[in-house]
């Protein structure tokens, strides 16, 4: 029967953390975030069913088992690194890993990415997706675009832009309910719920003393929320850049002039606080800020 081996990336994280006595310093050497390194250590400990570190504040020390295991790991890693690879050529590829929310990726990032790739053809871009408000720690990405309140301790956080939010519905759905001419008429409508676009701040701007809806369809993805509106599930809140094509095509219509100028959530560019960033990462950050500052 095959033996399940520990993942090599967890072993390298363990060796680096043991050598420095610090997750933060080890993470910097491996070009990952401290949270990602901590995750790798947890994977290794779960695999071994043993603790390899004693965590004391920001410092870490090896357990007795960890000290013995470190000798084995170092020998294994040394064997792998010293093995001759005659056909391997040294590559120095510049690469940027960026994590973005799905809707931002679809409507705003992909249409503009060609500009960056045309200007910097030698930089490879890797794009990953995550769910806003749930994945709250940087993984192994260099840069993230986050949709949230912008409160990310110990991270460099730069707001990309703010867009007003407003109510939309499909023409077909509007035919099934009494006429909706003022915000008060929404009492007859099904309000689609989302943690990303809460109703209560919009209610205040509309002069409605209403509480946040607690029943009905909830969709915590801005793109899917628009699809739910388009298919007649109810009234939802959205933003111009996401909804414009559907509005132009007549799939959804904007209700009222009322809009929330500064919604509680916006898009932020986030990365780890580091003394210096790799040149390609800094170029990407500068491009992102320039590309979206006019919105």
C-alpha atoms as a PDB file:
ATOM      1  CA  UNK A   1       0.000   0.000   0.000  1.00  0.00           C
ATOM      2  CA  UNK A   2       1.304   3.460  -0.936  1.00  0.00           C
ATOM      3  CA  UNK A   3       2.618   5.604   1.906  1.00  0.00           C
ATOM      4  CA  UNK A   4       1.139   9.099   2.158  1.00  0.00           C
ATOM      5  CA  UNK A   5       4.034  11.554   2.262  1.00  0.00           C
ATOM      6  CA  UNK A   6       3.952  15.040   3.765  1.00  0.00           C
ATOM      7  CA  UNK A   7       3.713  17.827   1.163  1.00  0.00           C
ATOM      8  CA  UNK A   8       7.118  19.198   0.177  1.00  0.00           C
ATOM      9  CA  UNK A   9       5.959  22.818   0.494  1.00  0.00           C
ATOM     10  CA  UNK A  10       5.049  22.123   4.136  1.00  0.00           C
ATOM     11  CA  UNK A  11       8.474  20.587   4.775  1.00  0.00           C
ATOM     12  CA  UNK A  12      10.270  23.622   3.331  1.00  0.00           C
ATOM     13  CA  UNK A  13       8.098  25.914   5.458  1.00  0.00           C
ATOM     14  CA  UNK A  14       8.944  23.855   8.539  1.00  0.00           C
ATOM     15  CA  UNK A  15      12.679  23.958   7.812  1.00  0.00           C
ATOM     16  CA  UNK A  16      12.711  27.720   7.216  1.00  0.00           C
ATOM     17  CA  UNK A  17      10.643  28.486  10.335  1.00  0.00           C
ATOM     18  CA  UNK A  18      12.938  26.267  12.437  1.00  0.00           C
ATOM     19  CA  UNK A  19      16.031  27.970  11.021  1.00  0.00           C
ATOM     20  CA  UNK A  20      14.803  31.497  11.740  1.00  0.00           C
ATOM     21  CA  UNK A  21      12.633  30.842  14.802  1.00  0.00           C
ATOM     22  CA  UNK A  22      10.042  33.101  13.199  1.00  0.00           C
ATOM     23  CA  UNK A  23       7.117  32.486  10.883  1.00  0.00           C
ATOM     24  CA  UNK A  24       7.295  36.038   9.532  1.00  0.00           C
ATOM     25  CA  UNK A  25      10.977  35.876   8.555  1.00  0.00           C
ATOM     26  CA  UNK A  26      10.588  32.385   7.106  1.00  0.00           C
ATOM     27  CA  UNK A  27       7.596  33.537   5.059  1.00  0.00           C
ATOM     28  CA  UNK A  28       9.610  36.436   3.658  1.00  0.00           C
ATOM     29  CA  UNK A  29      12.374  34.068   2.544  1.00  0.00           C
ATOM     30  CA  UNK A  30       9.858  31.773   0.837  1.00  0.00           C
ATOM     31  CA  UNK A  31       8.045  34.755  -0.759  1.00  0.00           C
ATOM     32  CA  UNK A  32       4.721  33.826   0.843  1.00  0.00           C
ATOM     33  CA  UNK A  33       2.639  35.443   3.573  1.00  0.00           C
ATOM     34  CA  UNK A  34       2.960  34.522   7.282  1.00  0.00           C
ATOM     35  CA  UNK A  35      -0.606  33.237   7.244  1.00  0.00           C
ATOM     36  CA  UNK A  36       0.210  30.936   4.311  1.00  0.00           C
ATOM     37  CA  UNK A  37       3.290  29.654   6.109  1.00  0.00           C
ATOM     38  CA  UNK A  38       1.292  29.054   9.282  1.00  0.00           C
ATOM     39  CA  UNK A  39      -1.234  27.095   7.216  1.00  0.00           C
ATOM     40  CA  UNK A  40       1.553  24.889   5.837  1.00  0.00           C
ATOM     41  CA  UNK A  41       2.850  24.180   9.330  1.00  0.00           C
ATOM     42  CA  UNK A  42      -0.650  23.173  10.420  1.00  0.00           C
ATOM     43  CA  UNK A  43      -0.894  20.817   7.441  1.00  0.00           C
ATOM     44  CA  UNK A  44       2.381  19.186   8.438  1.00  0.00           C
ATOM     45  CA  UNK A  45       1.336  18.798  12.076  1.00  0.00           C
ATOM     46  CA  UNK A  46      -1.972  17.288  11.031  1.00  0.00           C
ATOM     47  CA  UNK A  47      -0.139  14.848   8.795  1.00  0.00           C
ATOM     48  CA  UNK A  48       2.305  13.881  11.554  1.00  0.00           C
ATOM     49  CA  UNK A  49      -0.286  13.948  14.369  1.00  0.00           C
ATOM     50  CA  UNK A  50       2.418  15.730  16.351  1.00  0.00           C
ATOM     51  CA  UNK A  51       3.243  19.321  17.262  1.00  0.00           C
ATOM     52  CA  UNK A  52       6.541  20.507  15.785  1.00  0.00           C
ATOM     53  CA  UNK A  53       6.519  24.015  17.269  1.00  0.00           C
ATOM     54  CA  UNK A  54       5.600  25.656  20.536  1.00  0.00           C
ATOM     55  CA  UNK A  55       4.148  29.064  19.747  1.00  0.00           C
ATOM     56  CA  UNK A  56       4.991  31.814  22.225  1.00  0.00           C
ATOM     57  CA  UNK A  57       3.658  35.142  21.016  1.00  0.00           C
ATOM     58  CA  UNK A  58       5.514  35.983  17.822  1.00  0.00           C
ATOM     59  CA  UNK A  59       8.367  33.558  18.432  1.00  0.00           C
ATOM     60  CA  UNK A  60       8.330  29.810  17.899  1.00  0.00           C
ATOM     61  CA  UNK A  61      10.521  27.044  19.298  1.00  0.00           C
ATOM     62  CA  UNK A  62      10.814  23.420  18.267  1.00  0.00           C
ATOM     63  CA  UNK A  63       9.257  20.696  20.335  1.00  0.00           C
ATOM     64  CA  UNK A  64      11.369  17.650  21.191  1.00  0.00           C
ATOM     65  CA  UNK A  65       9.705  15.769  18.330  1.00  0.00           C
ATOM     66  CA  UNK A  66      10.257  18.779  16.062  1.00  0.00           C
ATOM     67  CA  UNK A  67      14.001  18.800  16.771  1.00  0.00           C
ATOM     68  CA  UNK A  68      14.328  15.141  15.843  1.00  0.00           C
ATOM     69  CA  UNK A  69      12.137  15.506  12.782  1.00  0.00           C
ATOM     70  CA  UNK A  70      14.086  18.564  11.584  1.00  0.00           C
ATOM     71  CA  UNK A  71      17.247  16.463  11.080  1.00  0.00           C
ATOM     72  CA  UNK A  72      15.304  14.064   8.844  1.00  0.00           C
ATOM     73  CA  UNK A  73      13.660  16.869   6.876  1.00  0.00           C
ATOM     74  CA  UNK A  74      16.925  18.716   6.274  1.00  0.00           C
ATOM     75  CA  UNK A  75      18.598  15.570   5.029  1.00  0.00           C
ATOM     76  CA  UNK A  76      15.687  14.867   2.656  1.00  0.00           C
ATOM     77  CA  UNK A  77      15.578  18.413   1.298  1.00  0.00           C
ATOM     78  CA  UNK A  78      19.357  18.436   0.845  1.00  0.00           C
ATOM     79  CA  UNK A  79      19.154  15.201  -1.137  1.00  0.00           C
ATOM     80  CA  UNK A  80      16.479  16.646  -3.401  1.00  0.00           C
ATOM     81  CA  UNK A  81      18.252  19.963  -3.964  1.00  0.00           C
ATOM     82  CA  UNK A  82      21.662  18.346  -4.612  1.00  0.00           C
ATOM     83  CA  UNK A  83      20.383  15.829  -7.155  1.00  0.00           C
ATOM     84  CA  UNK A  84      21.854  16.764 -10.586  1.00  0.00           C
ATOM     85  CA  UNK A  85      19.331  17.865 -13.235  1.00  0.00           C
ATOM     86  CA  UNK A  86      21.319  18.061 -16.504  1.00  0.00           C
ATOM     87  CA  UNK A  87      18.392  19.294 -18.620  1.00  0.00           C
ATOM     88  CA  UNK A  88      17.168  22.002 -16.249  1.00  0.00           C
ATOM     89  CA  UNK A  89      17.823  25.564 -17.315  1.00  0.00           C
ATOM     90  CA  UNK A  90      17.722  28.497 -14.962  1.00  0.00           C
ATOM     91  CA  UNK A  91      14.716  30.709 -15.546  1.00  0.00           C
ATOM     92  CA  UNK A  92      14.281  34.109 -14.051  1.00  0.00           C
ATOM     93  CA  UNK A  93      10.645  34.719 -15.024  1.00  0.00           C
ATOM     94  CA  UNK A  94       8.985  37.762 -13.516  1.00  0.00           C
ATOM     95  CA  UNK A  95       5.575  36.796 -12.198  1.00  0.00           C
ATOM     96  CA  UNK A  96       2.695  38.488 -10.341  1.00  0.00           C
ATOM     97  CA  UNK A  97       0.021  36.492  -8.538  1.00  0.00           C
ATOM     98  CA  UNK A  98      -3.198  38.438  -8.024  1.00  0.00           C
ATOM     99  CA  UNK A  99      -6.362  37.328  -6.271  1.00  0.00           C
ATOM    100  CA  UNK A 100      -9.640  39.047  -7.179  1.00  0.00           C
ATOM    101  CA  UNK A 101     -13.365  38.663  -6.467  1.00  0.00           C
ATOM    102  CA  UNK A 102     -15.278  36.886  -9.267  1.00  0.00           C
ATOM    103  CA  UNK A 103     -17.513  39.776 -10.324  1.00  0.00           C
ATOM    104  CA  UNK A 104     -14.670  42.301 -10.321  1.00  0.00           C
ATOM    105  CA  UNK A 105     -12.608  39.842 -12.354  1.00  0.00           C
ATOM    106  CA  UNK A 106     -15.339  39.351 -14.932  1.00  0.00           C
ATOM    107  CA  UNK A 107     -16.578  42.903 -15.404  1.00  0.00           C
ATOM    108  CA  UNK A 108     -13.639  45.134 -14.541  1.00  0.00           C
ATOM    109  CA  UNK A 109     -10.316  43.302 -14.365  1.00  0.00           C
ATOM    110  CA  UNK A 110     -10.239  41.064 -17.453  1.00  0.00           C
ATOM    111  CA  UNK A 111     -11.368  43.847 -19.828  1.00  0.00           C
ATOM    112  CA  UNK A 112      -8.396  45.976 -18.702  1.00  0.00           C
ATOM    113  CA  UNK A 113      -5.700  43.347 -18.120  1.00  0.00           C
ATOM    114  CA  UNK A 114      -4.615  43.434 -21.770  1.00  0.00           C
ATOM    115  CA  UNK A 115      -3.356  47.001 -21.169  1.00  0.00           C
ATOM    116  CA  UNK A 116      -0.926  45.803 -18.503  1.00  0.00           C
ATOM    117  CA  UNK A 117       0.203  42.765 -20.507  1.00  0.00           C
ATOM    118  CA  UNK A 118       0.829  44.922 -23.581  1.00  0.00           C
ATOM    119  CA  UNK A 119       2.879  47.392 -21.551  1.00  0.00           C
ATOM    120  CA  UNK A 120       4.816  44.699 -19.646  1.00  0.00           C
ATOM    121  CA  UNK A 121       4.940  41.614 -21.924  1.00  0.00           C
ATOM    122  CA  UNK A 122       7.744  39.986 -19.916  1.00  0.00           C
ATOM    123  CA  UNK A 123       5.679  39.797 -16.702  1.00  0.00           C
ATOM    124  CA  UNK A 124       3.510  36.707 -16.278  1.00  0.00           C
ATOM    125  CA  UNK A 125       0.206  37.294 -14.471  1.00  0.00           C
ATOM    126  CA  UNK A 126      -1.556  34.522 -12.537  1.00  0.00           C
ATOM    127  CA  UNK A 127      -5.172  35.229 -11.557  1.00  0.00           C
ATOM    128  CA  UNK A 128      -6.952  33.504  -8.663  1.00  0.00           C
ATOM    129  CA  UNK A 129     -10.491  33.949  -7.336  1.00  0.00           C
ATOM    130  CA  UNK A 130     -11.844  34.220  -3.810  1.00  0.00           C
ATOM    131  CA  UNK A 131     -15.184  34.996  -2.190  1.00  0.00           C
ATOM    132  CA  UNK A 132     -15.460  38.515  -0.669  1.00  0.00           C
ATOM    133  CA  UNK A 133     -15.965  38.770   3.111  1.00  0.00           C
ATOM    134  CA  UNK A 134     -15.080  35.091   3.612  1.00  0.00           C
ATOM    135  CA  UNK A 135     -11.451  34.637   2.507  1.00  0.00           C
ATOM    136  CA  UNK A 136      -9.983  37.295   4.752  1.00  0.00           C
ATOM    137  CA  UNK A 137      -6.294  36.367   4.743  1.00  0.00           C
ATOM    138  CA  UNK A 138      -3.782  36.714   1.932  1.00  0.00           C
ATOM    139  CA  UNK A 139      -2.885  33.296   0.597  1.00  0.00           C
ATOM    140  CA  UNK A 140       0.169  32.926  -1.628  1.00  0.00           C
ATOM    141  CA  UNK A 141      -0.743  35.876  -3.824  1.00  0.00           C
ATOM    142  CA  UNK A 142       1.389  38.971  -4.191  1.00  0.00           C
ATOM    143  CA  UNK A 143      -1.626  41.270  -4.468  1.00  0.00           C
ATOM    144  CA  UNK A 144      -5.337  40.995  -3.750  1.00  0.00           C
ATOM    145  CA  UNK A 145      -8.346  43.047  -4.747  1.00  0.00           C
ATOM    146  CA  UNK A 146     -10.804  42.887  -1.868  1.00  0.00           C
ATOM    147  CA  UNK A 147     -14.393  43.990  -1.728  1.00  0.00           C
ATOM    148  CA  UNK A 148     -15.138  45.012   1.839  1.00  0.00           C
ATOM    149  CA  UNK A 149     -14.916  47.714   4.465  1.00  0.00           C
ATOM    150  CA  UNK A 150     -11.165  48.265   4.014  1.00  0.00           C
ATOM    151  CA  UNK A 151     -10.284  47.290   7.573  1.00  0.00           C
ATOM    152  CA  UNK A 152      -7.360  44.895   7.150  1.00  0.00           C
ATOM    153  CA  UNK A 153      -4.887  45.214  10.063  1.00  0.00           C
ATOM    154  CA  UNK A 154      -1.171  44.858   9.298  1.00  0.00           C
ATOM    155  CA  UNK A 155      -1.758  45.002   5.538  1.00  0.00           C
ATOM    156  CA  UNK A 156      -1.125  47.822   3.078  1.00  0.00           C
ATOM    157  CA  UNK A 157      -4.611  48.823   1.907  1.00  0.00           C
ATOM    158  CA  UNK A 158      -5.368  51.237  -0.933  1.00  0.00           C
ATOM    159  CA  UNK A 159      -8.898  52.061  -2.087  1.00  0.00           C
ATOM    160  CA  UNK A 160      -9.258  51.643  -5.844  1.00  0.00           C
ATOM    161  CA  UNK A 161     -12.531  53.511  -6.309  1.00  0.00           C
ATOM    162  CA  UNK A 162     -16.051  54.003  -4.931  1.00  0.00           C
ATOM    163  CA  UNK A 163     -19.214  53.516  -6.964  1.00  0.00           C
ATOM    164  CA  UNK A 164     -22.759  54.453  -5.896  1.00  0.00           C
ATOM    165  CA  UNK A 165     -25.225  51.598  -5.439  1.00  0.00           C
ATOM    166  CA  UNK A 166     -28.810  51.723  -6.692  1.00  0.00           C
ATOM    167  CA  UNK A 167     -31.858  49.469  -7.020  1.00  0.00           C
ATOM    168  CA  UNK A 168     -32.651  47.442 -10.150  1.00  0.00           C
ATOM    169  CA  UNK A 169     -35.310  44.951 -11.222  1.00  0.00           C
ATOM    170  CA  UNK A 170     -36.272  43.076 -14.370  1.00  0.00           C
ATOM    171  CA  UNK A 171     -39.191  44.389 -16.476  1.00  0.00           C
ATOM    172  CA  UNK A 172     -40.845  40.969 -16.234  1.00  0.00           C
ATOM    173  CA  UNK A 173     -40.733  41.003 -12.430  1.00  0.00           C
ATOM    174  CA  UNK A 174     -42.107  44.549 -12.241  1.00  0.00           C
ATOM    175  CA  UNK A 175     -45.210  43.387 -14.122  1.00  0.00           C
ATOM    176  CA  UNK A 176     -46.013  40.943 -11.319  1.00  0.00           C
ATOM    177  CA  UNK A 177     -46.207  43.515  -8.496  1.00  0.00           C
ATOM    178  CA  UNK A 178     -48.039  46.825  -7.916  1.00  0.00           C
ATOM    179  CA  UNK A 179     -46.430  49.852  -9.619  1.00  0.00           C
ATOM    180  CA  UNK A 180     -43.062  50.857  -8.154  1.00  0.00           C
ATOM    181  CA  UNK A 181     -42.759  54.621  -8.479  1.00  0.00           C
ATOM    182  CA  UNK A 182     -41.143  55.600  -5.166  1.00  0.00           C
ATOM    183  CA  UNK A 183     -38.839  53.783  -2.733  1.00  0.00           C
ATOM    184  CA  UNK A 184     -41.808  53.268  -0.375  1.00  0.00           C
ATOM    185  CA  UNK A 185     -43.409  51.086  -3.050  1.00  0.00           C
ATOM    186  CA  UNK A 186     -40.706  48.476  -2.440  1.00  0.00           C
ATOM    187  CA  UNK A 187     -42.852  47.225   0.419  1.00  0.00           C
ATOM    188  CA  UNK A 188     -44.665  45.204  -2.243  1.00  0.00           C
ATOM    189  CA  UNK A 189     -41.434  43.754  -3.689  1.00  0.00           C
ATOM    190  CA  UNK A 190     -39.132  40.850  -2.864  1.00  0.00           C
ATOM    191  CA  UNK A 191     -35.809  42.361  -1.839  1.00  0.00           C
ATOM    192  CA  UNK A 192     -32.798  40.234  -2.709  1.00  0.00           C
ATOM    193  CA  UNK A 193     -30.368  40.056   0.174  1.00  0.00           C
ATOM    194  CA  UNK A 194     -26.566  40.138   0.097  1.00  0.00           C
ATOM    195  CA  UNK A 195     -23.885  40.752   2.708  1.00  0.00           C
ATOM    196  CA  UNK A 196     -21.995  42.553  -0.062  1.00  0.00           C
ATOM    197  CA  UNK A 197     -24.816  45.045  -0.745  1.00  0.00           C
ATOM    198  CA  UNK A 198     -26.834  45.563   2.459  1.00  0.00           C
ATOM    199  CA  UNK A 199     -30.100  47.436   2.084  1.00  0.00           C
ATOM    200  CA  UNK A 200     -30.160  49.380   5.333  1.00  0.00           C
ATOM    201  CA  UNK A 201     -27.717  52.182   4.292  1.00  0.00           C
ATOM    202  CA  UNK A 202     -29.702  52.626   1.056  1.00  0.00           C
ATOM    203  CA  UNK A 203     -32.943  52.752   3.050  1.00  0.00           C
ATOM    204  CA  UNK A 204     -31.545  55.660   5.092  1.00  0.00           C
ATOM    205  CA  UNK A 205     -30.705  57.654   1.954  1.00  0.00           C
ATOM    206  CA  UNK A 206     -34.188  56.904   0.600  1.00  0.00           C
ATOM    207  CA  UNK A 207     -35.753  58.225   3.813  1.00  0.00           C
ATOM    208  CA  UNK A 208     -37.081  54.821   4.845  1.00  0.00           C
ATOM    209  CA  UNK A 209     -36.939  53.759   8.477  1.00  0.00           C
ATOM    210  CA  UNK A 210     -36.722  50.089   7.521  1.00  0.00           C
ATOM    211  CA  UNK A 211     -34.568  47.356   8.997  1.00  0.00           C
ATOM    212  CA  UNK A 212     -32.325  45.086   6.964  1.00  0.00           C
ATOM    213  CA  UNK A 213     -34.396  42.306   5.336  1.00  0.00           C
ATOM    214  CA  UNK A 214     -33.998  38.958   7.065  1.00  0.00           C
ATOM    215  CA  UNK A 215     -36.001  36.727   4.726  1.00  0.00           C
ATOM    216  CA  UNK A 216     -35.853  35.866   1.052  1.00  0.00           C
ATOM    217  CA  UNK A 217     -33.176  34.819  -1.410  1.00  0.00           C
ATOM    218  CA  UNK A 218     -29.629  35.673  -0.334  1.00  0.00           C
ATOM    219  CA  UNK A 219     -26.776  35.806  -2.858  1.00  0.00           C
ATOM    220  CA  UNK A 220     -23.264  36.696  -1.728  1.00  0.00           C
ATOM    221  CA  UNK A 221     -21.781  37.256  -5.161  1.00  0.00           C
ATOM    222  CA  UNK A 222     -22.412  40.507  -7.001  1.00  0.00           C
ATOM    223  CA  UNK A 223     -22.538  38.875 -10.429  1.00  0.00           C
ATOM    224  CA  UNK A 224     -24.977  36.188  -9.305  1.00  0.00           C
ATOM    225  CA  UNK A 225     -27.037  38.858  -7.565  1.00  0.00           C
ATOM    226  CA  UNK A 226     -27.463  40.625 -10.902  1.00  0.00           C
ATOM    227  CA  UNK A 227     -28.369  37.333 -12.570  1.00  0.00           C
ATOM    228  CA  UNK A 228     -31.023  36.769  -9.894  1.00  0.00           C
ATOM    229  CA  UNK A 229     -32.458  40.216 -10.650  1.00  0.00           C
ATOM    230  CA  UNK A 230     -32.362  39.543 -14.392  1.00  0.00           C
ATOM    231  CA  UNK A 231     -34.281  36.284 -13.972  1.00  0.00           C
ATOM    232  CA  UNK A 232     -37.057  37.918 -11.979  1.00  0.00           C
ATOM    233  CA  UNK A 233     -36.281  36.816  -8.426  1.00  0.00           C
ATOM    234  CA  UNK A 234     -36.800  40.316  -7.035  1.00  0.00           C
ATOM    235  CA  UNK A 235     -35.211  43.754  -6.573  1.00  0.00           C
ATOM    236  CA  UNK A 236     -31.498  44.038  -5.847  1.00  0.00           C
ATOM    237  CA  UNK A 237     -28.799  46.642  -5.312  1.00  0.00           C
ATOM    238  CA  UNK A 238     -25.979  46.930  -7.824  1.00  0.00           C
ATOM    239  CA  UNK A 239     -23.329  49.253  -9.290  1.00  0.00           C
ATOM    240  CA  UNK A 240     -23.048  50.950 -12.668  1.00  0.00           C
ATOM    241  CA  UNK A 241     -20.066  49.056 -14.068  1.00  0.00           C
ATOM    242  CA  UNK A 242     -21.685  45.701 -13.356  1.00  0.00           C
ATOM    243  CA  UNK A 243     -25.205  46.524 -14.491  1.00  0.00           C
ATOM    244  CA  UNK A 244     -24.647  48.839 -17.470  1.00  0.00           C
ATOM    245  CA  UNK A 245     -24.766  46.148 -20.173  1.00  0.00           C
ATOM    246  CA  UNK A 246     -27.937  44.623 -18.715  1.00  0.00           C
ATOM    247  CA  UNK A 247     -29.514  48.077 -18.475  1.00  0.00           C
ATOM    248  CA  UNK A 248     -28.557  48.866 -22.086  1.00  0.00           C
ATOM    249  CA  UNK A 249     -29.995  45.524 -23.219  1.00  0.00           C
ATOM    250  CA  UNK A 250     -33.217  46.044 -21.262  1.00  0.00           C
ATOM    251  CA  UNK A 251     -32.623  42.969 -19.088  1.00  0.00           C
ATOM    252  CA  UNK A 252     -32.908  45.111 -15.948  1.00  0.00           C
ATOM    253  CA  UNK A 253     -34.077  48.661 -15.262  1.00  0.00           C
ATOM    254  CA  UNK A 254     -32.935  51.133 -12.683  1.00  0.00           C
ATOM    255  CA  UNK A 255     -35.532  52.106 -10.103  1.00  0.00           C
ATOM    256  CA  UNK A 256     -35.612  55.725  -8.866  1.00  0.00           C
ATOM    257  CA  UNK A 257     -32.845  58.324  -8.825  1.00  0.00           C
ATOM    258  CA  UNK A 258     -32.027  57.361  -5.251  1.00  0.00           C
ATOM    259  CA  UNK A 259     -28.509  56.012  -4.825  1.00  0.00           C
ATOM    260  CA  UNK A 260     -26.050  55.424  -2.006  1.00  0.00           C
ATOM    261  CA  UNK A 261     -23.026  57.569  -2.864  1.00  0.00           C
ATOM    262  CA  UNK A 262     -20.584  55.801  -0.543  1.00  0.00           C
ATOM    263  CA  UNK A 263     -21.668  52.206   0.081  1.00  0.00           C
ATOM    264  CA  UNK A 264     -20.192  50.424   3.120  1.00  0.00           C
ATOM    265  CA  UNK A 265     -18.136  48.163   0.840  1.00  0.00           C
ATOM    266  CA  UNK A 266     -15.682  49.180  -1.858  1.00  0.00           C
ATOM    267  CA  UNK A 267     -12.772  47.678  -3.790  1.00  0.00           C
ATOM    268  CA  UNK A 268      -9.339  47.809  -2.172  1.00  0.00           C
ATOM    269  CA  UNK A 269      -5.897  46.808  -3.369  1.00  0.00           C
ATOM    270  CA  UNK A 270      -4.234  44.828  -0.558  1.00  0.00           C
ATOM    271  CA  UNK A 271      -0.765  43.378  -0.033  1.00  0.00           C
ATOM    272  CA  UNK A 272       1.584  42.443   2.774  1.00  0.00           C
ATOM    273  CA  UNK A 273       3.606  45.205   4.410  1.00  0.00           C
ATOM    274  CA  UNK A 274       7.175  44.642   3.213  1.00  0.00           C
ATOM    275  CA  UNK A 275      10.318  46.801   3.217  1.00  0.00           C
ATOM    276  CA  UNK A 276      10.443  46.437  -0.558  1.00  0.00           C
ATOM    277  CA  UNK A 277       8.350  44.721  -3.209  1.00  0.00           C
ATOM    278  CA  UNK A 278       9.630  42.838  -6.231  1.00  0.00           C
ATOM    279  CA  UNK A 279       9.832  45.261  -9.191  1.00  0.00           C
ATOM    280  CA  UNK A 280       7.125  43.475 -11.195  1.00  0.00           C
ATOM    281  CA  UNK A 281       4.748  43.530  -8.214  1.00  0.00           C
ATOM    282  CA  UNK A 282       5.298  47.265  -7.711  1.00  0.00           C
ATOM    283  CA  UNK A 283       4.701  47.858 -11.428  1.00  0.00           C
ATOM    284  CA  UNK A 284       1.425  45.942 -11.224  1.00  0.00           C
ATOM    285  CA  UNK A 285       0.267  47.881  -8.147  1.00  0.00           C
ATOM    286  CA  UNK A 286       1.095  51.201  -9.819  1.00  0.00           C
ATOM    287  CA  UNK A 287      -0.780  50.133 -12.953  1.00  0.00           C
ATOM    288  CA  UNK A 288      -3.855  49.060 -10.990  1.00  0.00           C
ATOM    289  CA  UNK A 289      -4.049  52.379  -9.159  1.00  0.00           C
ATOM    290  CA  UNK A 290      -3.659  54.295 -12.405  1.00  0.00           C
ATOM    291  CA  UNK A 291      -6.132  52.135 -14.337  1.00  0.00           C
ATOM    292  CA  UNK A 292      -8.995  52.566 -11.860  1.00  0.00           C
ATOM    293  CA  UNK A 293      -8.426  56.060 -10.461  1.00  0.00           C
ATOM    294  CA  UNK A 294     -10.648  57.652 -13.127  1.00  0.00           C
ATOM    295  CA  UNK A 295     -13.730  55.656 -12.179  1.00  0.00           C
END
